[in-house]
Amino acid sequence: MSRVLDRLGAHGARYRDPVAAIDWRAADDGLPWLPMDLLSIDGLDIAGRLSAEQLKRFSEIEFARLCAAGMWLEGLLISRVTAKGYLGLNTDEARIMLQEVREESGHSLMFLEMIARAGLKDVPLLGATGLLTRVAGRLDPAGPAFWAMVYIGETVTDTFGLKALKRAREPGQDICPVARQVLELHHRDEARHIAAARTLLASRIGQMTGARRLAFTTSLRFLLNRFLDATLYPTAASLAALGLDDPKGVAAAVKASPARRRLAQACAQPALDMLRRDGMLPASTEAAP
């Protein structure tokens, strides 16, 4: 494990401030921030009733929601790994965690700027996160459950971002250059963070007894559903920011949308597959939306 952490630490040694790295002057007001077929209302009747300008605006709202999810996840990671200090960790692990704190703070500042540019600073963008925040607050970074949850959260949001970048390369799906830069920069760092989470998890799996593993498996589906609800489905408040007449009804329609459910499953599945391979989950566990 030490060699893996050494390699990850070497890759993270050179820090780039995301806010300074983004070319904010490259913004193109004529382009959406996300590909249209990744918007949560895609396939619903409401999508056909919106103008092109409204759809572009909704892409900004959805992108801002992705940023809010990133800020929330990164804040949880920072708060937990810094809670006890680093003196009890070996040097390799401390270096990785400190690099992540530095980079996640930069990501959050970048995300905050995108939310502000979307004009959504005071809009509740995420669904119910209180329970998830309380659960995360009880997890110890010295144990495997914490890093399993970190791996899942980072992988879900990174998978969605990768889907957006892939779609944006297709004809007619171009997105704002600034939004593209944010997604690309975040993915470059997250690829290393995800590898670190998996490595730290692998070093701790032996601590998990059969009873603790069963408890983790039992609670995971419930917690995963809450996480997907909070991050990949729009809130009524975010839909109201678009000026819709019935934002609660549209939010309910998105929640019932088979297309959105399939997307949520696709974003969660890579993390679940890895946890199964590492023996953290039974072979029958699937992503739920």
Protein backbone atom coordinates (compact mmCIF):
# COMPACT_ATOMS: atom_id res chain seq x y z
CA MET A 1 0.00 0.00 0.00
CA SER A 2 2.84 2.38 0.80
CA ARG A 3 4.03 2.34 -2.82
CA VAL A 4 0.53 3.25 -4.03
CA LEU A 5 0.25 6.10 -1.53
CA ASP A 6 3.75 7.30 -2.45
CA ARG A 7 2.75 7.42 -6.11
CA LEU A 8 -0.54 9.22 -5.37
CA GLY A 9 1.27 11.66 -3.09
CA ALA A 10 3.83 12.42 -5.79
CA HIS A 11 1.05 13.15 -8.30
CA GLY A 12 -0.63 15.48 -5.82
CA ALA A 13 2.52 17.32 -4.75
CA ARG A 14 2.10 20.09 -7.29
CA TYR A 15 -0.98 22.09 -6.37
CA ARG A 16 -3.03 24.13 -8.84
CA ASP A 17 -5.52 26.61 -7.43
CA PRO A 18 -8.75 25.79 -9.31
CA VAL A 19 -10.10 29.34 -9.13
CA ALA A 20 -6.89 30.64 -10.71
CA ALA A 21 -6.68 27.77 -13.22
CA ILE A 22 -10.14 28.36 -14.74
CA ASP A 23 -10.31 30.86 -17.60
CA TRP A 24 -13.43 32.65 -16.41
CA ARG A 25 -13.30 34.99 -19.43
CA ALA A 26 -14.09 32.02 -21.69
CA ALA A 27 -17.74 31.95 -20.57
CA ASP A 28 -20.20 31.69 -23.46
CA ASP A 29 -23.67 32.90 -22.49
CA GLY A 30 -25.15 31.23 -25.55
CA LEU A 31 -24.28 27.69 -24.50
CA PRO A 32 -25.78 25.47 -21.78
CA TRP A 33 -23.71 24.33 -18.83
CA LEU A 34 -24.70 20.67 -19.20
CA PRO A 35 -25.72 18.57 -22.22
CA MET A 36 -29.49 18.78 -22.60
CA ASP A 37 -30.11 15.04 -22.40
CA LEU A 38 -28.50 14.90 -18.95
CA LEU A 39 -30.96 17.37 -17.46
CA SER A 40 -33.26 15.79 -14.90
CA ILE A 41 -36.40 16.78 -16.83
CA ASP A 42 -35.22 15.12 -20.02
CA GLY A 43 -37.98 12.92 -21.42
CA LEU A 44 -40.75 14.61 -19.40
CA ASP A 45 -43.58 16.63 -20.94
CA ILE A 46 -42.35 19.76 -19.18
CA ALA A 47 -39.11 19.67 -21.21
CA GLY A 48 -41.06 20.02 -24.45
CA ARG A 49 -42.93 23.05 -23.11
CA LEU A 50 -39.83 25.04 -22.21
CA SER A 51 -38.12 27.45 -24.57
CA ALA A 52 -34.49 27.02 -25.58
CA GLU A 53 -33.57 29.89 -23.25
CA GLN A 54 -35.40 28.24 -20.34
CA LEU A 55 -33.65 24.94 -20.99
CA LYS A 56 -30.28 26.70 -21.02
CA ARG A 57 -31.17 28.37 -17.76
CA PHE A 58 -32.19 25.03 -16.28
CA SER A 59 -28.80 23.60 -17.29
CA GLU A 60 -27.20 26.31 -15.15
CA ILE A 61 -29.44 25.37 -12.23
CA GLU A 62 -28.59 21.68 -12.61
CA PHE A 63 -24.87 22.45 -12.87
CA ALA A 64 -25.11 24.58 -9.72
CA ARG A 65 -26.78 21.62 -7.98
CA LEU A 66 -23.83 19.43 -8.97
CA CYS A 67 -21.51 22.06 -7.51
CA ALA A 68 -23.52 22.18 -4.29
CA ALA A 69 -23.28 18.39 -4.01
CA GLY A 70 -19.51 18.63 -4.46
CA MET A 71 -19.20 21.33 -1.79
CA TRP A 72 -21.28 19.31 0.66
CA LEU A 73 -19.30 16.09 0.10
CA GLU A 74 -15.96 17.85 0.26
CA GLY A 75 -16.97 19.68 3.42
CA LEU A 76 -17.84 16.38 5.09
CA LEU A 77 -14.50 14.88 4.08
CA ILE A 78 -12.54 17.89 5.31
CA SER A 79 -14.39 18.05 8.63
CA ARG A 80 -13.88 14.37 9.41
CA VAL A 81 -10.24 13.94 8.42
CA THR A 82 -9.23 17.12 10.25
CA ALA A 83 -11.26 16.41 13.41
CA LYS A 84 -8.51 14.51 15.23
CA GLY A 85 -5.45 16.00 13.61
CA TYR A 86 -2.83 13.93 11.82
CA LEU A 87 -0.32 12.94 14.47
CA GLY A 88 -1.79 9.46 14.85
CA LEU A 89 -1.44 8.67 11.14
CA ASN A 90 1.53 7.32 9.29
CA THR A 91 3.29 9.88 7.13
CA ASP A 92 2.02 8.52 3.79
CA GLU A 93 -1.61 8.62 4.86
CA ALA A 94 -1.27 12.06 6.45
CA ARG A 95 0.25 13.43 3.23
CA ILE A 96 -2.61 12.06 1.10
CA MET A 97 -5.27 13.43 3.44
CA LEU A 98 -3.66 16.86 3.68
CA GLN A 99 -3.39 17.05 -0.10
CA GLU A 100 -7.08 16.19 -0.36
CA VAL A 101 -8.03 18.87 2.18
CA ARG A 102 -6.06 21.42 0.15
CA GLU A 103 -7.58 20.35 -3.16
CA GLU A 104 -11.15 19.90 -1.90
CA SER A 105 -11.05 23.40 -0.42
CA GLY A 106 -10.01 24.73 -3.83
CA HIS A 107 -12.77 22.75 -5.54
CA SER A 108 -15.33 24.18 -3.15
CA LEU A 109 -14.22 27.74 -3.89
CA MET A 110 -14.50 26.96 -7.61
CA PHE A 111 -17.97 25.48 -7.12
CA LEU A 112 -19.02 28.46 -5.01
CA GLU A 113 -18.04 30.75 -7.87
CA MET A 114 -20.13 28.75 -10.34
CA ILE A 115 -23.14 28.86 -8.00
CA ALA A 116 -22.73 32.62 -7.70
CA ARG A 117 -22.44 33.01 -11.48
CA ALA A 118 -25.67 31.05 -11.82
CA GLY A 119 -27.34 33.56 -9.49
CA LEU A 120 -28.30 30.84 -7.01
CA LYS A 121 -26.37 31.73 -3.86
CA ASP A 122 -29.42 31.64 -1.60
CA VAL A 123 -31.41 28.82 -3.25
CA PRO A 124 -31.65 25.41 -1.47
CA LEU A 125 -30.13 23.29 -4.24
CA LEU A 126 -29.79 19.92 -2.53
CA GLY A 127 -32.40 17.57 -1.20
CA ALA A 128 -32.51 16.36 2.42
CA THR A 129 -28.92 15.89 3.63
CA GLY A 130 -29.37 16.15 7.40
CA LEU A 131 -29.43 12.42 8.11
CA LEU A 132 -26.50 11.73 5.80
CA THR A 133 -24.51 14.51 7.43
CA ARG A 134 -25.19 13.08 10.90
CA VAL A 135 -24.19 9.58 9.80
CA ALA A 136 -20.98 10.86 8.20
CA GLY A 137 -20.21 12.81 11.35
CA ARG A 138 -20.13 9.55 13.32
CA LEU A 139 -17.81 7.70 10.95
CA ASP A 140 -14.15 7.50 11.89
CA PRO A 141 -11.53 7.94 9.12
CA ALA A 142 -9.54 5.23 10.89
CA GLY A 143 -12.23 2.71 9.92
CA PRO A 144 -13.32 1.17 6.60
CA ALA A 145 -16.94 2.40 6.54
CA PHE A 146 -15.82 6.03 6.27
CA TRP A 147 -13.65 5.39 3.21
CA ALA A 148 -16.32 3.21 1.63
CA MET A 149 -18.74 6.13 1.91
CA VAL A 150 -16.13 8.57 0.57
CA TYR A 151 -15.49 6.25 -2.36
CA ILE A 152 -19.20 5.99 -3.17
CA GLY A 153 -19.85 9.74 -2.93
CA GLU A 154 -16.86 10.74 -5.02
CA THR A 155 -17.47 8.06 -7.62
CA VAL A 156 -21.16 8.94 -8.11
CA THR A 157 -20.52 12.63 -8.74
CA ASP A 158 -17.41 11.95 -10.82
CA THR A 159 -19.28 9.43 -12.99
CA PHE A 160 -21.98 12.01 -13.68
CA GLY A 161 -19.32 14.59 -14.58
CA LEU A 162 -17.63 12.14 -16.95
CA LYS A 163 -20.95 11.44 -18.66
CA ALA A 164 -21.41 15.17 -19.16
CA LEU A 165 -17.93 15.56 -20.67
CA LYS A 166 -18.47 12.60 -22.97
CA ARG A 167 -21.84 13.88 -24.20
CA ALA A 168 -20.41 17.38 -24.67
CA ARG A 169 -18.04 15.98 -27.30
CA GLU A 170 -20.98 14.79 -29.41
CA PRO A 171 -22.40 16.95 -32.23
CA GLY A 172 -24.97 19.46 -31.00
CA GLN A 173 -24.17 18.88 -27.31
CA ASP A 174 -21.49 21.52 -26.76
CA ILE A 175 -21.43 23.21 -23.37
CA CYS A 176 -20.06 26.48 -21.98
CA PRO A 177 -16.23 26.38 -21.99
CA VAL A 178 -16.08 27.44 -18.34
CA ALA A 179 -18.40 24.62 -17.30
CA ARG A 180 -16.28 22.21 -19.31
CA GLN A 181 -13.09 23.43 -17.62
CA VAL A 182 -14.66 23.00 -14.17
CA LEU A 183 -15.71 19.43 -14.96
CA GLU A 184 -12.33 18.54 -16.46
CA LEU A 185 -10.28 20.02 -13.60
CA HIS A 186 -12.45 18.36 -10.98
CA HIS A 187 -12.22 14.99 -12.71
CA ARG A 188 -8.43 15.12 -12.92
CA ASP A 189 -8.16 15.60 -9.17
CA GLU A 190 -11.04 13.27 -8.30
CA ALA A 191 -9.49 10.37 -10.21
CA ARG A 192 -6.61 10.52 -7.73
CA HIS A 193 -8.91 11.06 -4.74
CA ILE A 194 -10.99 8.03 -5.71
CA ALA A 195 -7.85 5.91 -6.02
CA ALA A 196 -6.71 7.14 -2.60
CA ALA A 197 -10.10 6.33 -1.03
CA ARG A 198 -9.96 2.82 -2.43
CA THR A 199 -6.40 2.33 -1.19
CA LEU A 200 -7.24 3.60 2.31
CA LEU A 201 -10.34 1.41 2.33
CA ALA A 202 -8.36 -1.67 1.29
CA SER A 203 -5.94 -1.12 4.17
CA ARG A 204 -8.84 -1.08 6.66
CA ILE A 205 -11.16 -3.82 5.40
CA GLY A 206 -9.50 -6.35 7.70
CA GLN A 207 -10.83 -4.37 10.68
CA MET A 208 -14.45 -5.07 9.68
CA THR A 209 -15.93 -8.07 11.49
CA GLY A 210 -18.73 -10.12 9.96
CA ALA A 211 -21.30 -8.34 12.14
CA ARG A 212 -20.03 -4.89 11.18
CA ARG A 213 -19.96 -5.87 7.51
CA LEU A 214 -23.58 -7.02 7.72
CA ALA A 215 -24.58 -3.76 9.40
CA PHE A 216 -22.79 -1.79 6.68
CA THR A 217 -24.48 -3.77 3.91
CA THR A 218 -27.89 -3.37 5.53
CA SER A 219 -27.60 0.40 5.89
CA LEU A 220 -25.89 1.06 2.57
CA ARG A 221 -28.93 0.80 0.29
CA PHE A 222 -30.93 3.19 2.49
CA LEU A 223 -28.08 5.70 2.70
CA LEU A 224 -27.30 5.39 -1.00
CA ASN A 225 -30.92 6.09 -1.90
CA ARG A 226 -30.89 9.19 0.30
CA PHE A 227 -27.63 10.32 -1.29
CA LEU A 228 -28.92 9.89 -4.85
CA ASP A 229 -32.17 11.65 -3.96
CA ALA A 230 -30.26 14.60 -2.49
CA THR A 231 -27.74 15.02 -5.29
CA LEU A 232 -29.20 13.76 -8.60
CA TYR A 233 -32.84 14.84 -8.26
CA PRO A 234 -33.92 18.51 -8.30
CA THR A 235 -35.45 20.21 -5.31
CA ALA A 236 -38.71 22.12 -5.65
CA ALA A 237 -36.74 25.26 -4.75
CA SER A 238 -34.30 24.75 -7.61
CA LEU A 239 -37.19 24.18 -10.02
CA ALA A 240 -38.96 27.28 -8.68
CA ALA A 241 -35.86 29.27 -9.62
CA LEU A 242 -36.80 28.48 -13.23
CA GLY A 243 -40.19 30.10 -12.69
CA LEU A 244 -42.25 26.91 -13.11
CA ASP A 245 -45.89 27.04 -12.02
CA ASP A 246 -45.80 23.69 -10.18
CA PRO A 247 -42.24 23.04 -9.01
CA LYS A 248 -43.32 20.41 -6.47
CA GLY A 249 -45.23 18.51 -9.13
CA VAL A 250 -42.28 18.61 -11.52
CA ALA A 251 -39.93 17.42 -8.75
CA ALA A 252 -42.28 14.47 -8.12
CA ALA A 253 -42.38 13.70 -11.86
CA VAL A 254 -38.58 13.64 -12.04
CA LYS A 255 -38.46 11.36 -9.00
CA ALA A 256 -40.80 8.94 -10.80
CA SER A 257 -38.94 9.16 -14.12
CA PRO A 258 -37.50 5.79 -15.26
CA ALA A 259 -34.87 7.63 -17.31
CA ARG A 260 -33.59 9.52 -14.31
CA ARG A 261 -33.63 6.36 -12.23
CA ARG A 262 -31.49 4.59 -14.82
CA LEU A 263 -29.02 7.49 -14.81
CA ALA A 264 -28.80 7.42 -11.01
CA GLN A 265 -28.20 3.66 -11.12
CA ALA A 266 -25.50 4.07 -13.75
CA CYS A 267 -23.70 6.69 -11.64
CA ALA A 268 -23.78 4.51 -8.50
CA GLN A 269 -22.98 1.16 -10.09
CA PRO A 270 -19.18 1.57 -10.55
CA ALA A 271 -18.72 2.18 -6.82
CA LEU A 272 -20.94 -0.74 -5.86
CA ASP A 273 -19.11 -3.03 -8.29
CA MET A 274 -15.80 -2.16 -6.66
CA LEU A 275 -17.14 -2.72 -3.14
CA ARG A 276 -18.42 -6.14 -4.24
CA ARG A 277 -15.03 -7.05 -5.71
CA ASP A 278 -13.36 -6.07 -2.43
CA GLY A 279 -15.80 -8.16 -0.40
CA MET A 280 -17.58 -5.24 1.25
CA LEU A 281 -20.93 -6.10 -0.36
CA PRO A 282 -22.72 -9.28 -1.46
CA ALA A 283 -22.88 -10.03 -5.16
CA SER A 284 -26.62 -9.27 -5.28
CA THR A 285 -26.33 -5.61 -4.24
CA GLU A 286 -27.43 -3.23 -6.99
CA ALA A 287 -27.74 0.51 -7.24
CA ALA A 288 -31.17 1.82 -6.44
CA PRO A 289 -32.29 5.23 -7.30
